[in-house]
Amino acid sequence: MGLSPINGGSDRITSELMGMGESDYTPLEEFNTETISETLIRLPWPWNGDRPKISASCPETLQIAMEQLIVLMTELRSPKGGWPENLPFTPENLLPYVTEEVYEVLDLLTKIQEDNRASLSPQDSNGLVEDLSVQLLWTIATSSYGLMQMSGGVYAQKWEANSSQERGLLRVVPILEVQAESVQWAIDLATFAPPPLSPQATTEFQILSPSVTDPISGSDLIQYWRKELQTQTPHLQPWLEPCFVDILEPGKDWVSGTAQVTLGLEWMAEGMESDPKDSDRSILIQWTDPLLIDAYRQTLLSRALFPALDQLQTLDLLDVESPLKAIAITNQVLAHLNLLGKPILPSPFRFQLKESLQLHPQVSLTEWISYLLWELTSLSYDFMQCLGQVPAYVLQPEWGWDAGTLRLVALLNVKSIDQDLQLDLATGEPYTPGHFCLMNDAIIELSFRANEPKLTLQTDRFLEQMKTEIETARPALSLLFSGTGVKISASGQPWKLGLVQLTLVTEFIPA
């Protein structure tokens, strides 16, 4: 079947995708992983896998102006705001109450767009499918914590017409589709294999863990996460519709075609009757440090705000509808913060902006480790690589140069009267050094991308750079480096005071 035409609607793309199986793509027996991974794709826009640096293009004054608009709209919506119950909370109705704040945002945007026009230059980029697949998967997984969970599989219940209820794992499948006259294939970005058979669009699902949701059809679930991708990762937008690219397979000539990222679903029943993660939730953590709670509230605000700032910078400010569009984008921020609506799969930590509504989060240690790992991997594509394995050369005192791979290990230390744990965030298991832990004065040479200069520095300097990146982008995590007080409950026992602390170390695995 292949891709929909370039001018096809997204609804039709989704409905077609929900009915796809392995037979709709390259047959399994003809699927050549090596050929696909070594295929080169030329994109008509710059792409290196990382998200744009908001701080580089968006001044702090615009962020402050947007935050002021958000606070005002939140106050209008609150019980004390005096908003008429029968009046819809629409941009048209809101504009008279937020006119000054909206036009302050638009004035700042005008200056930013003028500065950006002076520095624009058309670019394209090339990438092997092997590299593009990892970059796209990282972009999708870090767009939201909920989508990362869905991409790994969540415990759910399924209903189909004329069929009994069934429990199992439900997974959102990120798919890269490529089509040309002589090329037609699709891969599951998580497995680099043909996409699995997808349930019917009318199949109903209810997610049971990590949070219980209302039943939703498969097609609506796909539409929800597609919209979430569009909102949270505007730089991924060109991939979400069929886009014209040039394709070079090994041993062949360049051909023109299309590429697109789509989403599908996979259902894995396997006779599951209970949540396989239940046994891992015996330790609960409750935050007590108001600085940490406030820092996480600010982090959530930033996560919702930055994609909105990207959208705002694409507005046509000469359009008379731009004030209404700016308010609509701000409404999206409020919805993401869980102030105007309930997301399908919420983050384990959600806070109201108003101080009087501030929550004291309680979460299982297993869930928190998963969230912390997501926070770290979403810092940057290079940081994610470091948490995995990066090709490296190492020179230690009294040793020669050694080739191998370097891994940045993030450790969470959890201590109380009866708990003393040191957990590797990447595995969720107690940390046991299995390779060389580098000395602080060892020299490391890292290679993140083939077309970029290598990074050479001492181990202690490398760790300091990684720590600084965390402290700059994630204020809440930076507080964990010095340790912060919490309450800990193990296996239903009474709460006890404890301490959690984040540390970074390096491991070197010789070739």
Protein backbone atom coordinates (compact mmCIF):
# COMPACT_ATOMS: atom_id res chain seq x y z
CA MET A 1 0.00 0.00 0.00
CA GLY A 2 2.76 2.47 0.90
CA LEU A 3 2.42 6.10 1.83
CA SER A 4 -0.59 8.28 1.30
CA PRO A 5 -0.21 10.99 -1.34
CA ILE A 6 1.52 14.18 -0.26
CA ASN A 7 -1.78 16.05 -0.10
CA GLY A 8 -3.58 13.30 1.83
CA GLY A 9 -5.21 14.13 5.15
CA SER A 10 -3.74 12.99 8.46
CA ASP A 11 -7.03 11.29 9.39
CA ARG A 12 -6.77 9.01 6.37
CA ILE A 13 -3.13 8.29 7.14
CA THR A 14 -4.08 7.25 10.67
CA SER A 15 -7.02 5.10 9.58
CA GLU A 16 -4.86 3.32 7.01
CA LEU A 17 -2.09 2.79 9.52
CA MET A 18 -4.39 1.21 12.09
CA GLY A 19 -5.25 -1.51 9.61
CA MET A 20 -1.71 -2.17 8.49
CA GLY A 21 0.14 -5.38 9.07
CA GLU A 22 3.49 -6.76 8.02
CA SER A 23 2.10 -7.56 4.56
CA ASP A 24 1.49 -3.87 3.83
CA TYR A 25 5.23 -3.21 3.78
CA THR A 26 8.25 -5.07 2.45
CA PRO A 27 7.57 -8.79 3.08
CA LEU A 28 9.57 -10.18 6.01
CA GLU A 29 11.53 -12.57 3.81
CA GLU A 30 12.61 -9.63 1.61
CA PHE A 31 13.40 -7.30 4.52
CA ASN A 32 17.14 -6.60 4.31
CA THR A 33 18.27 -4.93 7.54
CA GLU A 34 21.79 -4.27 6.27
CA THR A 35 20.63 -2.60 3.05
CA ILE A 36 18.11 -0.42 4.87
CA SER A 37 20.55 0.63 7.60
CA GLU A 38 23.16 1.66 4.99
CA THR A 39 20.66 3.59 2.86
CA LEU A 40 21.41 7.32 2.71
CA ILE A 41 18.55 9.84 2.86
CA ARG A 42 19.01 13.46 1.83
CA LEU A 43 16.63 15.80 3.64
CA PRO A 44 15.66 19.25 2.34
CA TRP A 45 16.10 20.78 5.81
CA PRO A 46 18.90 20.73 8.43
CA TRP A 47 18.66 17.78 10.82
CA ASN A 48 21.14 16.30 13.28
CA GLY A 49 18.75 14.58 15.66
CA ASP A 50 18.92 17.17 18.42
CA ARG A 51 16.16 19.61 19.30
CA PRO A 52 16.67 23.32 18.67
CA LYS A 53 18.18 25.22 21.56
CA ILE A 54 15.33 27.39 22.76
CA SER A 55 17.62 29.59 24.85
CA ALA A 56 19.61 30.54 21.75
CA SER A 57 16.64 31.93 19.83
CA CYS A 58 14.17 32.90 22.54
CA PRO A 59 15.06 35.74 24.91
CA GLU A 60 14.17 35.50 28.58
CA THR A 61 11.82 38.49 28.19
CA LEU A 62 9.51 36.42 25.96
CA GLN A 63 9.49 33.54 28.44
CA ILE A 64 8.60 35.95 31.26
CA ALA A 65 5.83 37.55 29.17
CA MET A 66 4.37 34.12 28.39
CA GLU A 67 4.50 33.07 32.04
CA GLN A 68 2.62 36.25 33.00
CA LEU A 69 -0.05 35.44 30.41
CA ILE A 70 -0.30 31.86 31.73
CA VAL A 71 -0.68 33.02 35.33
CA LEU A 72 -3.41 35.52 34.36
CA MET A 73 -5.35 32.91 32.37
CA THR A 74 -5.01 30.47 35.29
CA GLU A 75 -6.38 33.05 37.70
CA LEU A 76 -9.34 33.76 35.40
CA ARG A 77 -10.09 30.04 35.31
CA SER A 78 -9.81 29.58 39.10
CA PRO A 79 -12.89 29.56 41.40
CA LYS A 80 -11.96 33.07 42.61
CA GLY A 81 -11.43 34.40 39.10
CA GLY A 82 -15.07 35.28 38.56
CA TRP A 83 -15.30 33.63 35.12
CA PRO A 84 -18.97 33.05 34.15
CA GLU A 85 -19.83 29.35 34.32
CA ASN A 86 -21.80 29.45 31.05
CA LEU A 87 -19.06 31.27 29.09
CA PRO A 88 -16.70 28.97 27.14
CA PHE A 89 -13.00 29.46 27.83
CA THR A 90 -12.26 30.31 24.18
CA PRO A 91 -9.64 32.69 22.71
CA GLU A 92 -12.41 35.04 21.52
CA ASN A 93 -13.93 35.29 25.00
CA LEU A 94 -10.55 35.56 26.72
CA LEU A 95 -9.05 38.31 24.54
CA PRO A 96 -10.76 41.30 26.26
CA TYR A 97 -9.33 40.18 29.62
CA VAL A 98 -5.74 39.48 28.48
CA THR A 99 -5.28 42.03 25.68
CA GLU A 100 -2.30 43.83 27.24
CA GLU A 101 -0.42 40.61 28.04
CA VAL A 102 -1.07 39.08 24.59
CA TYR A 103 0.16 42.15 22.71
CA GLU A 104 3.28 42.28 24.86
CA VAL A 105 4.03 38.73 23.69
CA LEU A 106 3.31 39.63 20.06
CA ASP A 107 5.55 42.73 20.20
CA LEU A 108 8.46 40.62 21.45
CA LEU A 109 7.77 38.04 18.73
CA THR A 110 7.95 40.73 16.05
CA LYS A 111 11.48 41.64 17.10
CA ILE A 112 12.56 37.97 17.24
CA GLN A 113 11.21 37.28 13.74
CA GLU A 114 13.04 40.32 12.36
CA ASP A 115 16.30 39.10 13.89
CA ASN A 116 15.75 35.56 12.60
CA ARG A 117 15.09 36.69 9.00
CA ALA A 118 18.49 38.36 8.90
CA SER A 119 20.27 35.11 9.78
CA LEU A 120 18.26 32.54 7.78
CA SER A 121 20.12 30.39 5.24
CA PRO A 122 18.72 27.35 3.39
CA GLN A 123 20.39 24.05 4.27
CA ASP A 124 19.92 20.38 3.69
CA SER A 125 21.40 17.34 5.40
CA ASN A 126 22.25 13.71 4.72
CA GLY A 127 21.89 10.78 7.08
CA LEU A 128 22.16 7.01 7.06
CA VAL A 129 18.93 5.28 8.05
CA GLU A 130 20.91 3.53 10.80
CA ASP A 131 21.63 6.94 12.39
CA LEU A 132 18.32 8.59 11.50
CA SER A 133 16.35 5.79 13.15
CA VAL A 134 18.11 6.30 16.50
CA GLN A 135 17.75 10.08 16.27
CA LEU A 136 14.04 9.86 15.43
CA LEU A 137 13.38 7.33 18.19
CA TRP A 138 15.14 9.58 20.70
CA THR A 139 13.15 12.62 19.55
CA ILE A 140 9.85 10.75 19.87
CA ALA A 141 10.65 9.14 23.24
CA THR A 142 11.80 12.42 24.78
CA SER A 143 8.82 14.45 23.52
CA SER A 144 6.87 13.46 26.65
CA TYR A 145 7.28 11.02 29.50
CA GLY A 146 3.90 9.49 28.70
CA LEU A 147 4.87 8.70 25.12
CA MET A 148 8.14 7.20 26.32
CA GLN A 149 6.13 4.89 28.60
CA MET A 150 3.76 4.00 25.78
CA SER A 151 6.69 3.26 23.45
CA GLY A 152 8.03 0.77 25.98
CA GLY A 153 4.65 -0.83 26.64
CA VAL A 154 2.04 -0.23 29.36
CA TYR A 155 -0.31 -2.62 31.12
CA ALA A 156 -3.79 -2.35 29.57
CA GLN A 157 -7.13 -3.99 28.88
CA LYS A 158 -8.53 -4.56 25.38
CA TRP A 159 -12.08 -4.89 24.01
CA GLU A 160 -12.92 -5.99 20.46
CA ALA A 161 -16.30 -6.51 18.84
CA ASN A 162 -17.66 -10.00 19.52
CA SER A 163 -14.69 -10.75 21.75
CA SER A 164 -14.09 -11.00 25.49
CA GLN A 165 -11.89 -8.65 27.47
CA GLU A 166 -8.17 -9.32 27.44
CA ARG A 167 -5.27 -7.95 29.46
CA GLY A 168 -1.72 -7.47 28.29
CA LEU A 169 0.86 -4.93 27.17
CA LEU A 170 -0.02 -2.11 24.75
CA ARG A 171 2.77 -0.36 22.88
CA VAL A 172 2.82 2.69 20.63
CA VAL A 173 5.02 1.77 17.66
CA PRO A 174 7.07 4.59 16.06
CA ILE A 175 7.45 3.82 12.35
CA LEU A 176 9.62 5.25 9.59
CA GLU A 177 8.13 4.75 6.11
CA VAL A 178 10.15 5.33 2.94
CA GLN A 179 8.77 5.07 -0.59
CA ALA A 180 10.11 5.66 -4.10
CA GLU A 181 9.60 4.03 -7.48
CA SER A 182 12.05 1.23 -6.63
CA VAL A 183 12.05 1.52 -2.82
CA GLN A 184 9.26 0.73 -0.40
CA TRP A 185 9.78 -0.28 3.19
CA ALA A 186 8.88 0.61 6.78
CA ILE A 187 10.69 -0.09 10.04
CA ASP A 188 9.74 -0.13 13.69
CA LEU A 189 12.20 2.46 15.01
CA ALA A 190 12.43 0.68 18.37
CA THR A 191 13.36 -2.73 16.95
CA PHE A 192 14.64 -1.92 13.42
CA ALA A 193 12.33 -4.67 12.16
CA PRO A 194 9.11 -4.63 10.09
CA PRO A 195 6.25 -3.00 12.04
CA PRO A 196 4.08 -5.50 13.94
CA LEU A 197 0.46 -6.21 13.08
CA SER A 198 -1.67 -3.36 14.44
CA PRO A 199 -5.08 -3.84 16.11
CA GLN A 200 -8.19 -2.64 14.33
CA ALA A 201 -8.95 1.08 14.59
CA THR A 202 -12.21 0.40 16.48
CA THR A 203 -10.56 -1.73 19.18
CA GLU A 204 -11.07 -0.18 22.64
CA PHE A 205 -8.25 0.05 25.18
CA GLN A 206 -8.11 1.06 28.82
CA ILE A 207 -4.67 1.74 30.24
CA LEU A 208 -4.39 0.26 33.74
CA SER A 209 -0.85 1.15 34.73
CA PRO A 210 1.03 3.34 35.58
CA SER A 211 -2.30 5.20 35.80
CA VAL A 212 -5.89 4.23 35.01
CA THR A 213 -7.50 5.99 32.05
CA ASP A 214 -10.93 6.02 30.43
CA PRO A 215 -11.47 3.56 27.54
CA ILE A 216 -10.32 4.91 24.18
CA SER A 217 -10.33 3.53 20.64
CA GLY A 218 -7.07 2.65 18.93
CA SER A 219 -7.54 5.34 16.29
CA ASP A 220 -8.21 8.03 18.92
CA LEU A 221 -5.17 6.89 20.89
CA ILE A 222 -2.95 7.30 17.83
CA GLN A 223 -4.45 10.71 17.09
CA TYR A 224 -3.80 11.80 20.68
CA TRP A 225 -0.11 10.88 20.61
CA ARG A 226 0.31 12.30 17.12
CA LYS A 227 -1.04 15.63 18.39
CA GLU A 228 1.23 15.39 21.43
CA LEU A 229 4.21 14.95 19.11
CA GLN A 230 3.19 17.95 17.05
CA THR A 231 2.78 20.09 20.16
CA GLN A 232 5.87 19.02 22.08
CA THR A 233 8.35 18.62 19.20
CA PRO A 234 7.66 21.26 16.52
CA HIS A 235 11.04 20.52 14.90
CA LEU A 236 9.75 16.98 14.14
CA GLN A 237 6.80 18.39 12.18
CA PRO A 238 8.37 17.89 8.70
CA TRP A 239 8.63 14.16 9.43
CA LEU A 240 4.97 13.77 10.44
CA GLU A 241 3.67 14.25 6.90
CA PRO A 242 5.04 12.58 3.75
CA CYS A 243 8.01 14.76 2.78
CA PHE A 244 10.09 14.73 -0.42
CA VAL A 245 13.58 13.28 0.02
CA ASP A 246 16.37 11.79 -2.08
CA ILE A 247 17.28 8.15 -1.42
CA LEU A 248 20.54 6.32 -2.13
CA GLU A 249 20.62 2.57 -1.54
CA PRO A 250 23.99 0.76 -1.55
CA GLY A 251 25.07 0.00 -5.14
CA LYS A 252 22.27 2.04 -6.74
CA ASP A 253 21.67 5.56 -8.05
CA TRP A 254 19.88 8.39 -6.29
CA VAL A 255 16.08 8.30 -6.55
CA SER A 256 13.45 10.78 -5.37
CA GLY A 257 10.77 9.63 -2.99
CA THR A 258 9.02 10.36 0.29
CA ALA A 259 9.70 9.66 3.96
CA GLN A 260 7.35 9.90 6.91
CA VAL A 261 7.19 9.08 10.61
CA THR A 262 3.90 7.51 11.67
CA LEU A 263 2.58 5.80 14.80
CA GLY A 264 1.01 2.38 15.14
CA LEU A 265 -0.02 0.08 17.98
CA GLU A 266 1.13 -3.36 19.11
CA TRP A 267 -0.82 -5.62 21.46
CA MET A 268 0.96 -8.36 23.43
CA ALA A 269 -1.43 -10.51 25.49
CA GLU A 270 0.76 -13.37 26.67
CA GLY A 271 -1.86 -14.40 29.26
CA MET A 272 -1.10 -11.51 31.65
CA GLU A 273 -3.57 -11.22 34.53
CA SER A 274 -1.72 -8.63 36.64
CA ASP A 275 0.65 -5.75 36.12
CA PRO A 276 4.17 -7.23 35.81
CA LYS A 277 5.55 -4.06 37.43
CA ASP A 278 3.50 -4.44 40.63
CA SER A 279 6.20 -6.49 42.36
CA ASP A 280 8.70 -3.65 41.84
CA ARG A 281 6.69 -1.00 43.70
CA SER A 282 7.43 -1.95 47.29
CA ILE A 283 9.36 1.28 48.06
CA LEU A 284 7.54 4.61 48.00
CA ILE A 285 9.16 8.05 48.01
CA GLN A 286 7.47 11.23 49.23
CA TRP A 287 9.14 14.59 48.67
CA THR A 288 9.36 16.94 51.62
CA ASP A 289 11.85 19.57 50.38
CA PRO A 290 9.87 22.63 49.16
CA LEU A 291 12.84 23.71 47.01
CA LEU A 292 12.75 20.41 45.11
CA ILE A 293 8.97 20.57 44.70
CA ASP A 294 9.12 24.14 43.41
CA ALA A 295 11.97 23.26 41.04
CA TYR A 296 9.93 20.44 39.52
CA ARG A 297 6.94 22.74 39.14
CA GLN A 298 9.17 25.14 37.22
CA THR A 299 10.56 22.28 35.11
CA LEU A 300 7.04 21.21 34.10
CA LEU A 301 6.18 24.79 33.22
CA SER A 302 9.29 25.04 31.04
CA ARG A 303 8.50 21.74 29.30
CA ALA A 304 5.07 23.04 28.37
CA LEU A 305 6.30 26.55 27.58
CA PHE A 306 9.21 25.87 25.24
CA PRO A 307 7.21 24.06 22.50
CA ALA A 308 4.64 26.84 22.73
CA LEU A 309 7.37 29.41 22.18
CA ASP A 310 8.42 27.49 19.07
CA GLN A 311 4.84 27.63 17.77
CA LEU A 312 4.52 31.32 18.59
CA GLN A 313 7.61 32.14 16.54
CA THR A 314 5.95 30.66 13.43
CA LEU A 315 2.89 32.95 13.64
CA ASP A 316 2.19 35.43 10.88
CA LEU A 317 2.09 38.56 13.01
CA LEU A 318 0.41 40.54 10.21
CA ASP A 319 -2.59 38.21 10.48
CA VAL A 320 -5.42 39.87 12.41
CA GLU A 321 -6.11 36.48 14.00
CA SER A 322 -2.60 36.27 15.57
CA PRO A 323 -3.76 37.44 19.07
CA LEU A 324 -6.41 34.68 19.12
CA LYS A 325 -3.88 32.12 17.90
CA ALA A 326 -1.46 33.19 20.65
CA ILE A 327 -4.19 32.64 23.26
CA ALA A 328 -5.01 29.23 21.75
CA ILE A 329 -1.34 28.21 22.04
CA THR A 330 -1.32 29.38 25.67
CA ASN A 331 -4.40 27.24 26.30
CA GLN A 332 -2.38 24.26 25.06
CA VAL A 333 0.26 25.03 27.69
CA LEU A 334 -2.38 25.03 30.42
CA ALA A 335 -3.79 21.74 29.15
CA HIS A 336 -0.31 20.20 29.18
CA LEU A 337 0.09 21.30 32.79
CA ASN A 338 -3.15 19.43 33.55
CA LEU A 339 -5.05 22.60 34.37
CA LEU A 340 -7.68 22.35 31.64
CA GLY A 341 -7.84 18.65 30.83
CA LYS A 342 -6.74 15.15 31.72
CA PRO A 343 -4.00 13.64 29.53
CA ILE A 344 -4.29 10.02 28.45
CA LEU A 345 -1.15 8.99 30.31
CA PRO A 346 0.04 11.70 32.71
CA SER A 347 3.49 12.29 34.04
CA PRO A 348 3.91 10.93 37.57
CA PHE A 349 4.53 14.50 38.71
CA ARG A 350 1.98 17.21 37.89
CA PHE A 351 1.63 20.44 39.77
CA GLN A 352 -0.79 23.33 39.73
CA LEU A 353 0.72 26.76 39.18
CA LYS A 354 -1.07 28.28 42.17
CA GLU A 355 0.83 27.91 45.44
CA SER A 356 -2.34 27.05 47.34
CA LEU A 357 -2.87 24.03 45.08
CA GLN A 358 0.70 22.75 45.32
CA LEU A 359 0.97 18.98 45.65
CA HIS A 360 3.40 16.85 47.64
CA PRO A 361 4.30 14.10 45.17
CA GLN A 362 4.38 10.47 46.23
CA VAL A 363 5.73 7.94 43.76
CA SER A 364 7.16 4.45 43.72
CA LEU A 365 10.94 4.27 43.61
CA THR A 366 10.73 2.22 40.41
CA GLU A 367 8.60 4.86 38.71
CA TRP A 368 10.85 7.69 39.88
CA ILE A 369 13.97 5.96 38.54
CA SER A 370 12.25 5.60 35.18
CA TYR A 371 11.30 9.28 35.23
CA LEU A 372 14.80 10.41 36.27
CA LEU A 373 16.34 8.40 33.43
CA TRP A 374 13.92 10.01 30.97
CA GLU A 375 14.79 13.46 32.33
CA LEU A 376 18.49 12.79 31.74
CA THR A 377 18.17 11.19 28.31
CA SER A 378 15.98 14.07 27.12
CA LEU A 379 18.66 16.66 27.94
CA SER A 380 20.32 16.27 24.54
CA TYR A 381 21.06 13.62 21.95
CA ASP A 382 24.73 13.57 22.95
CA PHE A 383 23.85 13.16 26.64
CA MET A 384 21.63 10.22 25.73
CA GLN A 385 24.56 8.65 23.87
CA CYS A 386 26.79 9.06 26.90
CA LEU A 387 24.27 7.23 29.08
CA GLY A 388 24.41 4.41 26.53
CA GLN A 389 27.84 3.82 25.06
CA VAL A 390 30.06 6.22 23.12
CA PRO A 391 33.14 5.15 21.10
CA ALA A 392 36.18 6.40 23.01
CA TYR A 393 39.94 6.27 23.39
CA VAL A 394 41.29 6.41 26.94
CA LEU A 395 44.78 7.22 28.24
CA GLN A 396 45.25 6.40 31.91
CA PRO A 397 48.40 7.14 33.93
CA GLU A 398 51.04 4.43 33.41
CA TRP A 399 48.94 2.90 30.62
CA GLY A 400 48.86 3.39 26.85
CA TRP A 401 45.90 4.47 24.77
CA ASP A 402 43.02 1.97 24.83
CA ALA A 403 40.09 1.83 22.40
CA GLY A 404 36.61 0.94 23.56
CA THR A 405 33.37 2.54 24.68
CA LEU A 406 32.62 4.96 27.48
CA ARG A 407 29.43 4.96 29.56
CA LEU A 408 28.22 7.74 31.83
CA VAL A 409 26.62 6.06 34.84
CA ALA A 410 23.95 7.99 36.77
CA LEU A 411 23.47 6.60 40.28
CA LEU A 412 20.62 7.28 42.69
CA ASN A 413 21.59 6.78 46.34
CA VAL A 414 18.63 6.10 48.65
CA LYS A 415 19.26 6.04 52.40
CA SER A 416 17.13 5.72 55.51
CA ILE A 417 17.39 3.85 58.81
CA ASP A 418 16.66 0.54 57.09
CA GLN A 419 17.52 1.32 53.43
CA ASP A 420 20.93 1.86 51.83
CA LEU A 421 20.65 1.51 48.06
CA GLN A 422 22.82 2.65 45.16
CA LEU A 423 20.81 2.16 41.96
CA ASP A 424 21.93 2.47 38.34
CA LEU A 425 19.24 4.57 36.62
CA ALA A 426 19.88 2.82 33.29
CA THR A 427 18.98 -0.60 34.70
CA GLY A 428 17.03 0.20 37.87
CA GLU A 429 19.19 -2.38 39.62
CA PRO A 430 21.80 -2.06 42.40
CA TYR A 431 25.04 -0.78 40.89
CA THR A 432 27.89 -3.23 40.55
CA PRO A 433 30.92 -1.90 38.65
CA GLY A 434 31.52 -4.38 35.86
CA HIS A 435 34.18 -2.50 33.93
CA PHE A 436 36.99 -0.02 34.47
CA CYS A 437 36.02 3.01 36.56
CA LEU A 438 38.26 5.75 35.20
CA MET A 439 40.52 7.82 37.42
CA ASN A 440 39.86 11.55 37.49
CA ASP A 441 43.10 12.38 35.67
CA ALA A 442 42.55 9.88 32.84
CA ILE A 443 42.32 11.43 29.35
CA ILE A 444 39.30 10.49 27.24
CA GLU A 445 38.67 11.15 23.55
CA LEU A 446 35.02 10.86 22.52
CA SER A 447 33.43 10.66 19.07
CA PHE A 448 29.70 11.51 19.01
CA ARG A 449 29.20 11.99 15.27
CA ALA A 450 31.40 11.08 12.30
CA ASN A 451 31.30 14.59 10.81
CA GLU A 452 32.09 16.46 14.04
CA PRO A 453 35.41 17.07 15.87
CA LYS A 454 36.35 14.67 18.64
CA LEU A 455 36.12 15.80 22.24
CA THR A 456 39.31 15.35 24.30
CA LEU A 457 39.44 16.12 28.04
CA GLN A 458 40.18 14.70 31.48
CA THR A 459 37.62 12.48 33.18
CA ASP A 460 36.95 14.94 36.02
CA ARG A 461 36.39 17.72 33.48
CA PHE A 462 34.03 15.50 31.48
CA LEU A 463 31.98 14.72 34.59
CA GLU A 464 31.88 18.41 35.49
CA GLN A 465 30.55 19.27 32.02
CA MET A 466 27.83 16.62 32.29
CA LYS A 467 26.86 17.88 35.74
CA THR A 468 26.75 21.48 34.50
CA GLU A 469 24.45 20.49 31.61
CA ILE A 470 22.06 18.89 34.11
CA GLU A 471 22.16 21.86 36.49
CA THR A 472 21.51 24.33 33.67
CA ALA A 473 18.60 22.51 32.05
CA ARG A 474 17.06 20.64 35.01
CA PRO A 475 17.13 22.71 38.23
CA ALA A 476 15.23 20.00 40.11
CA LEU A 477 17.87 17.40 39.31
CA SER A 478 20.67 19.76 40.29
CA LEU A 479 19.30 19.79 43.84
CA LEU A 480 19.76 16.03 43.99
CA PHE A 481 23.54 16.30 43.60
CA SER A 482 23.88 17.69 47.13
CA GLY A 483 21.24 15.33 48.51
CA THR A 484 17.67 16.15 49.52
CA GLY A 485 15.41 14.96 52.31
CA VAL A 486 12.48 12.65 51.60
CA LYS A 487 10.17 10.24 53.37
CA ILE A 488 10.52 6.55 52.54
CA SER A 489 8.03 3.71 53.02
CA ALA A 490 9.12 0.13 52.28
CA SER A 491 6.56 -2.68 51.84
CA GLY A 492 3.75 -0.72 53.46
CA GLN A 493 5.74 0.14 56.59
CA PRO A 494 5.40 3.56 58.31
CA TRP A 495 7.11 6.52 56.67
CA LYS A 496 10.68 7.19 57.74
CA LEU A 497 12.96 10.13 57.05
CA GLY A 498 15.60 9.53 54.42
CA LEU A 499 17.92 11.06 51.88
CA VAL A 500 18.27 10.71 48.11
CA GLN A 501 21.30 11.83 46.13
CA LEU A 502 22.36 11.71 42.48
CA THR A 503 25.96 11.00 41.49
CA LEU A 504 27.78 10.52 38.17
CA VAL A 505 30.64 8.14 37.42
CA THR A 506 32.24 6.80 34.25
CA GLU A 507 32.85 3.26 33.04
CA PHE A 508 35.19 2.23 30.25
CA ILE A 509 34.63 -0.99 28.32
CA PRO A 510 37.76 -1.99 26.36
CA ALA A 511 37.24 -3.19 22.79
